[in-house]
Amino acid sequence: MRNAPSRIIAPSAALALAISFSPPIGAASVVLPLVDLEPQYASQLCWAAGDTIAVNSFFTASCQAGAGPGRISQAIDAAYNRLNISSLAGLQAAVAGTPAQVANVLTDCETNIQICNSTGTPLLLGLTYQTNSGSGGLSWTVAKQQIDGGHPFLFVWNYPSTGSSSKPIGLHQLVAIGYSDDSGQQLVIWDPWPVPEGLPAAVPGCGPVNVGLTAAQLTAGHRKTIDFSVYSNPESDMGVDARHDLDQFNLALATTVEVPQPPNLQVFNSEKPLPPWAVQALAQRAAGVSFAAALREVERLARNERRIPQHNAAGGKLVIGVPFPIVGLGLDQLRRAGSDPTRLLTRKTSAVLFPLESNGTVVDAFLMLFRHGTWKRGGYANTEITRLLVQARLRYAEAHRLDLKDFYMVSVPGLAAFFAAYGTGRKTVLIPASSDPLIGAVAGSAIPAAMELTRLSDTIAQEESGGPTRTIPPQR
């Protein structure tokens, strides 16, 4: 049901101190002054990062303790996820019934969050909220009302399967933290991707973690202004077809005792199969055109793209960097890849990633998409992932005396896995943008594509079967 209210128990809401925020009257641009904006601390914890940002926008002092509401962290969320706790009522029962187990799991996740790296659902403990599922999302008026009310709202994009409803689809959690109508309708979002280069382990129960980055560096990598139409219909997320899935909005301190039925935001979900025409369109885009043909066309179009800014906020000149043709892989493709997953690396593309650089540093990025026989700018490109890919490509190219233009990108957003790639067939190597023990990836360390794609396929099978996830030792 669309816009159905969901509420949770808050036995001591008076302990909460909401952040005071008043948007300027007639303001055309508003960004919330949130103090807990943070990246996800493990590859599958985008939902926990979003939940932490949202809940902590209400609780500024007291930490979540026992079964009472308060500030949380990704470690607390990950622990409750392992314990199958979905509400304060469930937490109360667990604390009363198995206190030692609750304490042990909390300690495990706070000590090493990487072992608690699993898909989950933003619980929004201590808050009421509404959900809005399906395509399209909130209207521009309602989205602005959320920000003007002083709090963010959460939204999810999914990566549709082209097969039957039993096939897996991936999801990604993002947070809307502001808006601008200075030059059209734009939303300011916080993208938890990617995990920081200094892979976090210990995460305090009240968070956050010092990952060795300044607030300005975090903002540059994770905050982005997008057209509101991209929020409603992302079309492509880092080269893989994407669409709007669900919102959690109208966040407020709880005052009633209704227990929610949290939305199913698991990475593996079941949806109705796409209609035949949509399956055919996805298949045509997946087929794409050759790298060489794509680059000949899109480089010319990109340099003539009028919407690309010429200077950054500090006045520095922006230049378009060497692009990445993208091989985007959905979870269902990897799932049925067979004994030679490198066959998926066809060197054909329907999306090209362009870095925007200032003084040699990536400060933004955009996509060019192949749609209906022509190339156009569209979709969503993550700036920090692009920066890490450019960095990985440069280091590998310099070490092996290779041309930057011979690299491409392999994108698996359903598993938050992104690689710079070089080579063809079984000789292809993948260079991870960020580290992930779940798949044995170490940022910047090349690994044979056959090995890494097999690991990704195995991870999908384990998650889909409900089996335990495992940490894979990295290839040295």
Protein backbone atom coordinates (compact mmCIF):
# COMPACT_ATOMS: atom_id res chain seq x y z
CA MET A 1 0.00 0.00 0.00
CA ARG A 2 1.35 3.40 -0.94
CA ASN A 3 1.86 5.98 1.81
CA ALA A 4 0.70 3.56 4.54
CA PRO A 5 1.82 4.86 7.96
CA SER A 6 4.19 2.67 9.94
CA ARG A 7 5.00 3.36 13.57
CA ILE A 8 7.21 1.91 16.27
CA ILE A 9 7.24 1.99 20.05
CA ALA A 10 9.23 4.72 21.76
CA PRO A 11 8.89 4.26 25.53
CA SER A 12 11.04 7.25 26.37
CA ALA A 13 10.81 9.67 23.47
CA ALA A 14 11.27 12.53 25.91
CA LEU A 15 14.95 11.57 26.07
CA ALA A 16 15.35 12.55 22.44
CA LEU A 17 16.58 15.96 21.44
CA ALA A 18 15.69 16.83 17.87
CA ILE A 19 18.05 19.00 15.85
CA SER A 20 16.60 22.47 15.46
CA PHE A 21 16.44 23.59 11.88
CA SER A 22 14.58 26.42 10.22
CA PRO A 23 14.96 26.83 6.46
CA PRO A 24 15.36 30.43 5.34
CA ILE A 25 12.11 31.93 4.12
CA GLY A 26 11.98 31.78 0.34
CA ALA A 27 15.22 29.81 0.21
CA ALA A 28 15.99 28.29 -3.18
CA SER A 29 18.70 25.96 -1.80
CA VAL A 30 18.58 24.07 1.50
CA VAL A 31 21.03 21.49 2.88
CA LEU A 32 20.42 20.02 6.34
CA PRO A 33 23.18 20.65 8.92
CA LEU A 34 23.52 16.97 9.82
CA VAL A 35 26.46 15.99 12.02
CA ASP A 36 26.51 12.21 11.45
CA LEU A 37 26.94 11.98 7.71
CA GLU A 38 29.15 8.95 7.18
CA PRO A 39 30.03 6.33 4.56
CA GLN A 40 29.03 2.72 4.96
CA TYR A 41 31.65 0.81 6.94
CA ALA A 42 31.25 -2.50 5.07
CA SER A 43 30.13 -3.38 1.56
CA GLN A 44 26.57 -4.45 2.45
CA LEU A 45 25.82 -1.80 5.09
CA CYS A 46 24.41 1.04 2.99
CA TRP A 47 21.08 0.47 4.81
CA ALA A 48 22.81 0.83 8.20
CA ALA A 49 24.55 4.05 7.16
CA GLY A 50 21.23 5.51 6.00
CA ASP A 51 19.49 4.41 9.20
CA THR A 52 22.23 5.94 11.37
CA ILE A 53 22.07 9.27 9.55
CA ALA A 54 18.27 9.41 9.83
CA VAL A 55 17.93 8.35 13.48
CA ASN A 56 20.79 10.51 14.70
CA SER A 57 19.20 13.57 13.12
CA PHE A 58 16.70 13.32 15.99
CA PHE A 59 18.92 12.16 18.86
CA THR A 60 21.80 14.53 19.47
CA ALA A 61 23.05 13.47 22.90
CA SER A 62 21.82 10.23 24.51
CA CYS A 63 22.92 6.92 23.01
CA GLN A 64 20.61 4.01 22.43
CA ALA A 65 20.76 1.89 25.59
CA GLY A 66 18.92 -1.27 26.56
CA ALA A 67 15.53 -1.07 24.89
CA GLY A 68 15.22 2.71 24.93
CA PRO A 69 15.67 4.92 21.84
CA GLY A 70 18.72 7.09 21.24
CA ARG A 71 21.71 7.63 18.98
CA ILE A 72 22.82 4.53 17.12
CA SER A 73 25.68 3.37 14.93
CA GLN A 74 26.15 0.99 12.04
CA ALA A 75 27.52 -1.56 14.53
CA ILE A 76 24.29 -1.50 16.54
CA ASP A 77 22.21 -1.85 13.37
CA ALA A 78 24.36 -4.74 12.13
CA ALA A 79 24.06 -6.49 15.50
CA TYR A 80 20.27 -6.15 15.62
CA ASN A 81 20.17 -7.44 12.05
CA ARG A 82 22.06 -10.59 13.08
CA LEU A 83 19.68 -11.02 16.01
CA ASN A 84 16.61 -10.60 13.74
CA ILE A 85 15.44 -7.63 15.83
CA SER A 86 13.12 -5.37 13.85
CA SER A 87 11.52 -3.09 16.47
CA LEU A 88 11.98 -1.72 19.98
CA ALA A 89 9.40 -4.26 21.12
CA GLY A 90 11.56 -7.04 19.68
CA LEU A 91 14.62 -5.50 21.30
CA GLN A 92 12.85 -5.38 24.65
CA ALA A 93 12.01 -9.08 24.35
CA ALA A 94 15.59 -9.99 23.36
CA VAL A 95 17.17 -7.97 26.17
CA ALA A 96 14.80 -9.56 28.69
CA GLY A 97 15.04 -13.11 27.32
CA THR A 98 18.62 -13.54 26.09
CA PRO A 99 20.68 -10.66 27.48
CA ALA A 100 24.01 -12.48 27.15
CA GLN A 101 23.43 -13.23 23.47
CA VAL A 102 22.48 -9.61 22.75
CA ALA A 103 25.59 -8.36 24.56
CA ASN A 104 27.87 -10.82 22.74
CA VAL A 105 26.60 -9.94 19.27
CA LEU A 106 26.83 -6.22 20.01
CA THR A 107 30.44 -6.72 21.14
CA ASP A 108 31.26 -8.72 17.99
CA CYS A 109 29.88 -6.07 15.66
CA GLU A 110 31.43 -3.15 17.56
CA THR A 111 34.81 -4.91 17.64
CA ASN A 112 34.89 -5.98 13.99
CA ILE A 113 32.03 -4.75 11.86
CA GLN A 114 33.32 -6.66 8.83
CA ILE A 115 32.07 -9.94 10.33
CA CYS A 116 28.60 -8.37 10.62
CA ASN A 117 28.49 -7.34 6.96
CA SER A 118 25.03 -8.39 5.81
CA THR A 119 22.07 -6.92 3.96
CA GLY A 120 19.32 -5.47 6.10
CA THR A 121 16.54 -2.95 6.63
CA PRO A 122 16.63 0.58 8.13
CA LEU A 123 14.73 0.12 11.41
CA LEU A 124 14.35 3.81 12.36
CA LEU A 125 14.02 2.83 16.02
CA GLY A 126 12.23 5.47 18.05
CA LEU A 127 10.68 7.12 14.99
CA THR A 128 7.45 7.01 13.07
CA TYR A 129 7.61 7.04 9.30
CA GLN A 130 5.69 6.34 6.14
CA THR A 131 6.68 4.14 3.24
CA ASN A 132 6.07 4.71 -0.43
CA SER A 133 6.88 1.76 -2.64
CA GLY A 134 6.97 1.55 -6.40
CA SER A 135 8.31 3.66 -9.21
CA GLY A 136 8.28 7.41 -9.20
CA GLY A 137 8.92 8.17 -5.54
CA LEU A 138 7.78 11.33 -3.79
CA SER A 139 6.58 14.43 -5.58
CA TRP A 140 8.86 17.45 -5.67
CA THR A 141 6.56 19.28 -3.23
CA VAL A 142 6.56 16.42 -0.70
CA ALA A 143 10.34 15.93 -1.03
CA LYS A 144 10.93 19.61 -0.25
CA GLN A 145 8.56 19.39 2.73
CA GLN A 146 10.74 16.64 4.23
CA ILE A 147 13.86 18.79 4.12
CA ASP A 148 12.04 21.94 5.24
CA GLY A 149 10.82 19.91 8.23
CA GLY A 150 14.45 19.55 9.33
CA HIS A 151 15.07 15.87 8.65
CA PRO A 152 16.24 13.68 5.76
CA PHE A 153 14.29 10.96 4.01
CA LEU A 154 15.56 7.58 2.85
CA PHE A 155 15.14 6.11 -0.60
CA VAL A 156 16.17 2.96 -2.42
CA TRP A 157 17.10 2.19 -6.01
CA ASN A 158 16.95 -1.34 -7.34
CA TYR A 159 18.63 -3.20 -10.18
CA PRO A 160 15.92 -5.21 -11.94
CA SER A 161 16.33 -8.79 -13.02
CA THR A 162 15.61 -9.57 -16.64
CA GLY A 163 14.41 -13.05 -15.72
CA SER A 164 11.70 -14.60 -13.60
CA SER A 165 10.55 -13.26 -10.24
CA SER A 166 12.74 -15.80 -8.42
CA LYS A 167 15.92 -14.23 -9.73
CA PRO A 168 17.83 -11.91 -7.37
CA ILE A 169 17.83 -8.17 -7.65
CA GLY A 170 20.11 -5.74 -5.87
CA LEU A 171 19.16 -2.63 -3.93
CA HIS A 172 21.05 0.45 -2.79
CA GLN A 173 20.10 2.80 0.07
CA LEU A 174 20.57 6.56 -0.30
CA VAL A 175 19.62 9.59 1.80
CA ALA A 176 18.09 12.89 0.66
CA ILE A 177 19.60 15.71 2.72
CA GLY A 178 18.72 18.86 0.78
CA TYR A 179 17.33 20.41 -2.36
CA SER A 180 17.83 23.29 -4.76
CA ASP A 181 15.53 24.96 -7.25
CA ASP A 182 18.03 27.60 -8.33
CA SER A 183 18.24 26.03 -11.79
CA GLY A 184 15.50 23.45 -12.00
CA GLN A 185 14.45 20.81 -9.50
CA GLN A 186 17.50 19.22 -7.86
CA LEU A 187 17.93 16.96 -4.86
CA VAL A 188 21.04 16.91 -2.66
CA ILE A 189 21.76 13.31 -1.67
CA TRP A 190 24.20 11.39 0.52
CA ASP A 191 25.48 8.21 -1.08
CA PRO A 192 27.08 5.80 1.46
CA TRP A 193 29.16 4.15 -1.29
CA PRO A 194 32.00 3.28 -1.17
CA VAL A 195 33.62 1.83 1.95
CA PRO A 196 36.55 4.08 3.00
CA GLU A 197 40.05 3.15 1.84
CA GLY A 198 41.06 2.70 5.48
CA LEU A 199 38.71 -0.27 6.00
CA PRO A 200 37.04 0.23 9.41
CA ALA A 201 37.00 -2.57 11.98
CA ALA A 202 35.96 -1.29 15.41
CA VAL A 203 32.81 0.87 15.38
CA PRO A 204 31.68 2.41 18.68
CA GLY A 205 28.12 1.71 19.73
CA CYS A 206 27.36 5.42 19.55
CA GLY A 207 29.57 6.01 16.48
CA PRO A 208 30.86 7.41 14.24
CA VAL A 209 34.32 6.15 13.20
CA ASN A 210 37.34 8.26 12.30
CA VAL A 211 38.25 6.88 8.86
CA GLY A 212 41.11 9.31 8.32
CA LEU A 213 39.09 11.72 6.19
CA THR A 214 38.08 15.28 6.96
CA ALA A 215 34.45 16.36 6.82
CA ALA A 216 35.25 18.20 3.59
CA GLN A 217 36.74 15.06 2.02
CA LEU A 218 33.74 12.97 3.02
CA THR A 219 31.39 15.59 1.63
CA ALA A 220 33.29 15.78 -1.65
CA GLY A 221 33.08 12.02 -2.12
CA HIS A 222 29.60 11.20 -0.87
CA ARG A 223 27.38 14.27 -1.26
CA LYS A 224 25.99 14.93 -4.70
CA THR A 225 23.37 17.13 -6.31
CA ILE A 226 21.23 15.29 -8.84
CA ASP A 227 18.29 16.22 -11.01
CA PHE A 228 15.05 15.31 -9.26
CA SER A 229 14.16 13.23 -12.31
CA VAL A 230 17.19 11.01 -11.59
CA TYR A 231 15.90 10.35 -8.06
CA SER A 232 12.51 9.38 -9.52
CA ASN A 233 13.98 7.34 -12.36
CA PRO A 234 17.74 6.75 -12.07
CA GLU A 235 17.75 4.80 -15.35
CA SER A 236 21.36 3.71 -14.79
CA ASP A 237 23.49 3.55 -11.63
CA MET A 238 27.19 3.23 -12.42
CA GLY A 239 26.37 1.57 -15.74
CA VAL A 240 23.70 -0.91 -14.59
CA ASP A 241 19.99 -0.37 -15.23
CA ALA A 242 18.27 0.98 -12.11
CA ARG A 243 14.87 2.21 -11.01
CA HIS A 244 13.30 3.82 -7.97
CA ASP A 245 12.11 1.26 -5.42
CA LEU A 246 10.95 2.71 -2.09
CA ASP A 247 11.00 5.75 0.24
CA GLN A 248 10.88 6.08 4.03
CA PHE A 249 9.69 9.60 4.77
CA ASN A 250 7.71 11.83 7.16
CA LEU A 251 10.15 10.84 9.90
CA ALA A 252 9.11 11.98 13.39
CA LEU A 253 9.57 11.04 17.02
CA ALA A 254 7.19 8.23 17.95
CA THR A 255 4.19 9.04 20.12
CA THR A 256 2.06 5.92 19.59
CA VAL A 257 2.48 2.22 20.36
CA GLU A 258 1.86 0.64 17.00
CA VAL A 259 4.51 -1.87 15.94
CA PRO A 260 5.60 -1.58 12.28
CA GLN A 261 5.95 -4.11 9.56
CA PRO A 262 9.29 -2.88 8.19
CA PRO A 263 9.58 -2.76 4.40
CA ASN A 264 11.53 -5.57 2.80
CA LEU A 265 14.74 -3.86 1.77
CA GLN A 266 16.88 -6.99 1.53
CA VAL A 267 19.41 -7.13 -1.29
CA PHE A 268 17.68 -10.22 -2.63
CA ASN A 269 14.05 -9.58 -3.30
CA SER A 270 11.28 -10.97 -5.47
CA GLU A 271 9.47 -8.75 -7.91
CA LYS A 272 7.05 -9.40 -10.69
CA PRO A 273 8.86 -10.28 -13.92
CA LEU A 274 9.40 -7.43 -16.30
CA PRO A 275 7.08 -7.33 -19.31
CA PRO A 276 8.56 -8.78 -22.54
CA TRP A 277 9.21 -5.37 -24.09
CA ALA A 278 11.20 -4.28 -21.03
CA VAL A 279 13.22 -7.51 -21.00
CA GLN A 280 14.03 -6.97 -24.67
CA ALA A 281 15.11 -3.37 -24.02
CA LEU A 282 17.41 -4.46 -21.18
CA ALA A 283 18.90 -7.19 -23.36
CA GLN A 284 19.57 -4.73 -26.18
CA ARG A 285 21.29 -2.34 -23.80
CA ALA A 286 23.34 -5.17 -22.31
CA ALA A 287 24.51 -6.09 -25.82
CA GLY A 288 25.70 -2.52 -26.38
CA VAL A 289 28.25 -1.45 -28.94
CA SER A 290 31.98 -2.05 -29.14
CA PHE A 291 34.26 -0.04 -26.86
CA ALA A 292 35.98 1.57 -29.84
CA ALA A 293 32.72 2.65 -31.50
CA ALA A 294 31.32 3.91 -28.21
CA LEU A 295 34.37 5.99 -27.38
CA ARG A 296 34.53 7.54 -30.83
CA GLU A 297 30.99 8.82 -30.43
CA VAL A 298 30.71 9.69 -26.75
CA GLU A 299 33.97 11.60 -26.36
CA ARG A 300 32.82 14.06 -28.99
CA LEU A 301 29.34 14.35 -27.48
CA ALA A 302 30.64 14.68 -23.92
CA ARG A 303 32.91 17.57 -24.79
CA ASN A 304 29.96 19.37 -26.38
CA GLU A 305 27.64 18.69 -23.42
CA ARG A 306 26.44 22.10 -22.29
CA ARG A 307 25.38 20.97 -18.81
CA ILE A 308 28.94 20.11 -17.78
CA PRO A 309 30.30 22.89 -15.50
CA GLN A 310 33.48 24.58 -16.63
CA HIS A 311 34.70 25.46 -13.13
CA ASN A 312 34.31 24.01 -9.65
CA ALA A 313 33.03 25.89 -6.59
CA ALA A 314 36.52 27.20 -5.83
CA GLY A 315 36.90 28.58 -9.34
CA GLY A 316 39.29 25.89 -10.57
CA LYS A 317 39.01 24.80 -14.19
CA LEU A 318 37.31 21.45 -14.78
CA VAL A 319 38.54 19.05 -17.45
CA ILE A 320 37.07 15.77 -18.66
CA GLY A 321 39.32 12.85 -17.78
CA VAL A 322 39.94 9.62 -19.68
CA PRO A 323 36.60 7.77 -19.80
CA PHE A 324 35.79 4.20 -18.75
CA PRO A 325 33.57 2.09 -21.00
CA ILE A 326 31.42 0.12 -18.54
CA VAL A 327 30.61 -3.56 -18.51
CA GLY A 328 27.66 -3.58 -16.12
CA LEU A 329 26.76 -6.92 -14.56
CA GLY A 330 23.49 -7.73 -12.86
CA LEU A 331 23.23 -10.36 -10.15
CA ASP A 332 21.22 -12.69 -12.35
CA GLN A 333 23.93 -12.54 -15.04
CA LEU A 334 26.61 -13.56 -12.54
CA ARG A 335 24.34 -16.18 -11.05
CA ARG A 336 24.07 -18.04 -14.34
CA ALA A 337 27.59 -17.28 -15.62
CA GLY A 338 28.70 -20.93 -15.57
CA SER A 339 32.25 -22.21 -15.45
CA ASP A 340 33.79 -19.30 -17.38
CA PRO A 341 32.39 -16.00 -16.05
CA THR A 342 34.90 -14.02 -18.13
CA ARG A 343 32.56 -14.61 -21.07
CA LEU A 344 30.50 -11.79 -19.56
CA LEU A 345 33.32 -9.36 -20.33
CA THR A 346 32.30 -8.84 -23.94
CA ARG A 347 34.06 -5.50 -24.50
CA LYS A 348 30.73 -4.02 -25.52
CA THR A 349 29.02 -1.24 -23.62
CA SER A 350 25.89 0.85 -23.32
CA ALA A 351 27.32 3.23 -20.70
CA VAL A 352 30.54 5.23 -20.40
CA LEU A 353 31.81 6.84 -17.20
CA PHE A 354 33.51 10.25 -17.48
CA PRO A 355 35.59 11.68 -14.61
CA LEU A 356 35.57 15.45 -14.14
CA GLU A 357 38.91 16.59 -12.79
CA SER A 358 40.36 19.75 -11.30
CA ASN A 359 44.13 19.99 -10.86
CA GLY A 360 44.43 16.24 -11.35
CA THR A 361 41.78 15.34 -8.75
CA VAL A 362 38.38 13.83 -9.56
CA VAL A 363 35.70 16.21 -8.26
CA ASP A 364 32.65 14.92 -10.14
CA ALA A 365 31.58 12.33 -12.70
CA PHE A 366 28.82 11.68 -15.21
CA LEU A 367 27.54 8.94 -17.51
CA MET A 368 26.81 8.81 -21.20
CA LEU A 369 24.15 6.19 -21.98
CA PHE A 370 23.28 4.38 -25.21
CA ARG A 371 19.50 4.51 -25.58
CA HIS A 372 17.33 3.94 -28.65
CA GLY A 373 20.31 3.96 -30.96
CA THR A 374 21.85 7.22 -29.71
CA TRP A 375 24.11 8.37 -26.90
CA LYS A 376 22.95 10.87 -24.29
CA ARG A 377 23.98 12.08 -20.86
CA GLY A 378 21.94 10.49 -18.06
CA GLY A 379 21.85 8.17 -15.06
CA TYR A 380 23.90 8.46 -11.89
CA ALA A 381 27.67 8.38 -11.33
CA ASN A 382 29.25 8.15 -7.87
CA THR A 383 32.10 10.65 -7.53
CA GLU A 384 34.15 8.81 -4.90
CA ILE A 385 34.00 5.48 -6.70
CA THR A 386 35.11 7.25 -9.87
CA ARG A 387 38.04 8.83 -7.99
CA LEU A 388 39.13 5.44 -6.68
CA LEU A 389 38.84 3.85 -10.12
CA VAL A 390 40.93 6.59 -11.70
CA GLN A 391 43.52 6.15 -8.94
CA ALA A 392 43.62 2.35 -9.36
CA ARG A 393 43.87 2.62 -13.14
CA LEU A 394 46.71 5.13 -13.00
CA ARG A 395 48.79 3.08 -10.55
CA TYR A 396 48.38 -0.14 -12.50
CA ALA A 397 49.04 1.57 -15.84
CA GLU A 398 52.21 3.22 -14.56
CA ALA A 399 53.46 -0.03 -13.02
CA HIS A 400 52.92 -1.99 -16.25
CA ARG A 401 53.47 0.82 -18.80
CA LEU A 402 49.95 0.65 -20.18
CA ASP A 403 47.76 3.21 -21.95
CA LEU A 404 44.95 4.58 -19.76
CA LYS A 405 42.58 4.38 -22.72
CA ASP A 406 42.87 0.58 -22.77
CA PHE A 407 41.12 0.19 -19.41
CA TYR A 408 37.42 -0.22 -18.78
CA MET A 409 35.17 -0.59 -15.76
CA VAL A 410 33.33 -3.66 -14.47
CA SER A 411 30.36 -2.55 -12.38
CA VAL A 412 28.35 -4.80 -10.04
CA PRO A 413 26.31 -2.35 -7.95
CA GLY A 414 24.10 -5.13 -6.58
CA LEU A 415 27.12 -6.25 -4.54
CA ALA A 416 28.73 -2.79 -4.22
CA ALA A 417 31.66 -4.09 -6.28
CA PHE A 418 33.43 -1.84 -8.79
CA PHE A 419 36.63 -2.58 -10.68
CA ALA A 420 39.02 -1.03 -13.16
CA ALA A 421 39.63 -3.75 -15.75
CA TYR A 422 42.37 -4.53 -18.25
CA GLY A 423 42.71 -7.29 -20.81
CA THR A 424 40.45 -9.71 -22.63
CA GLY A 425 38.97 -13.10 -21.86
CA ARG A 426 40.72 -15.23 -19.26
CA LYS A 427 43.68 -12.84 -19.28
CA THR A 428 41.55 -10.00 -17.88
CA VAL A 429 42.54 -8.57 -14.50
CA LEU A 430 40.23 -6.65 -12.20
CA ILE A 431 41.48 -3.92 -9.85
CA PRO A 432 39.01 -3.25 -7.00
CA ALA A 433 38.09 0.34 -6.24
CA SER A 434 37.66 -0.51 -2.55
CA SER A 435 38.39 -3.38 -0.18
CA ASP A 436 35.79 -5.98 0.70
CA PRO A 437 36.71 -9.09 2.74
CA LEU A 438 33.39 -10.63 1.72
CA ILE A 439 34.72 -11.17 -1.81
CA GLY A 440 38.46 -11.12 -1.09
CA ALA A 441 38.97 -7.72 -2.70
CA VAL A 442 41.80 -5.38 -1.72
CA ALA A 443 41.67 -1.84 -3.04
CA GLY A 444 44.15 -1.34 -5.87
CA SER A 445 45.36 -4.99 -5.91
CA ALA A 446 44.79 -6.70 -9.26
CA ILE A 447 43.21 -10.14 -9.33
CA PRO A 448 42.39 -12.48 -12.24
CA ALA A 449 38.89 -11.74 -13.45
CA ALA A 450 37.91 -15.42 -13.56
CA MET A 451 38.70 -15.78 -9.86
CA GLU A 452 36.94 -12.59 -8.74
CA LEU A 453 33.82 -13.10 -10.86
CA THR A 454 33.52 -16.65 -9.48
CA ARG A 455 33.70 -15.24 -5.96
CA LEU A 456 30.95 -12.80 -6.77
CA SER A 457 28.80 -15.58 -8.18
CA ASP A 458 29.40 -17.73 -5.09
CA THR A 459 28.46 -14.83 -2.80
CA ILE A 460 25.17 -14.36 -4.65
CA ALA A 461 24.36 -18.06 -4.35
CA GLN A 462 25.08 -18.06 -0.62
CA GLU A 463 22.96 -14.99 0.03
CA GLU A 464 20.11 -16.24 -2.11
CA SER A 465 20.05 -19.63 -0.35
CA GLY A 466 20.08 -17.97 3.07
CA GLY A 467 23.39 -19.60 3.88
CA PRO A 468 26.08 -17.93 6.02
CA THR A 469 28.29 -15.37 4.35
CA ARG A 470 32.01 -15.91 4.55
CA THR A 471 35.08 -13.76 4.49
CA ILE A 472 37.49 -14.70 1.71
CA PRO A 473 41.24 -14.26 2.23
CA PRO A 474 42.56 -11.75 -0.29
CA GLN A 475 44.71 -12.83 -3.22
CA ARG A 476 48.30 -11.76 -2.63
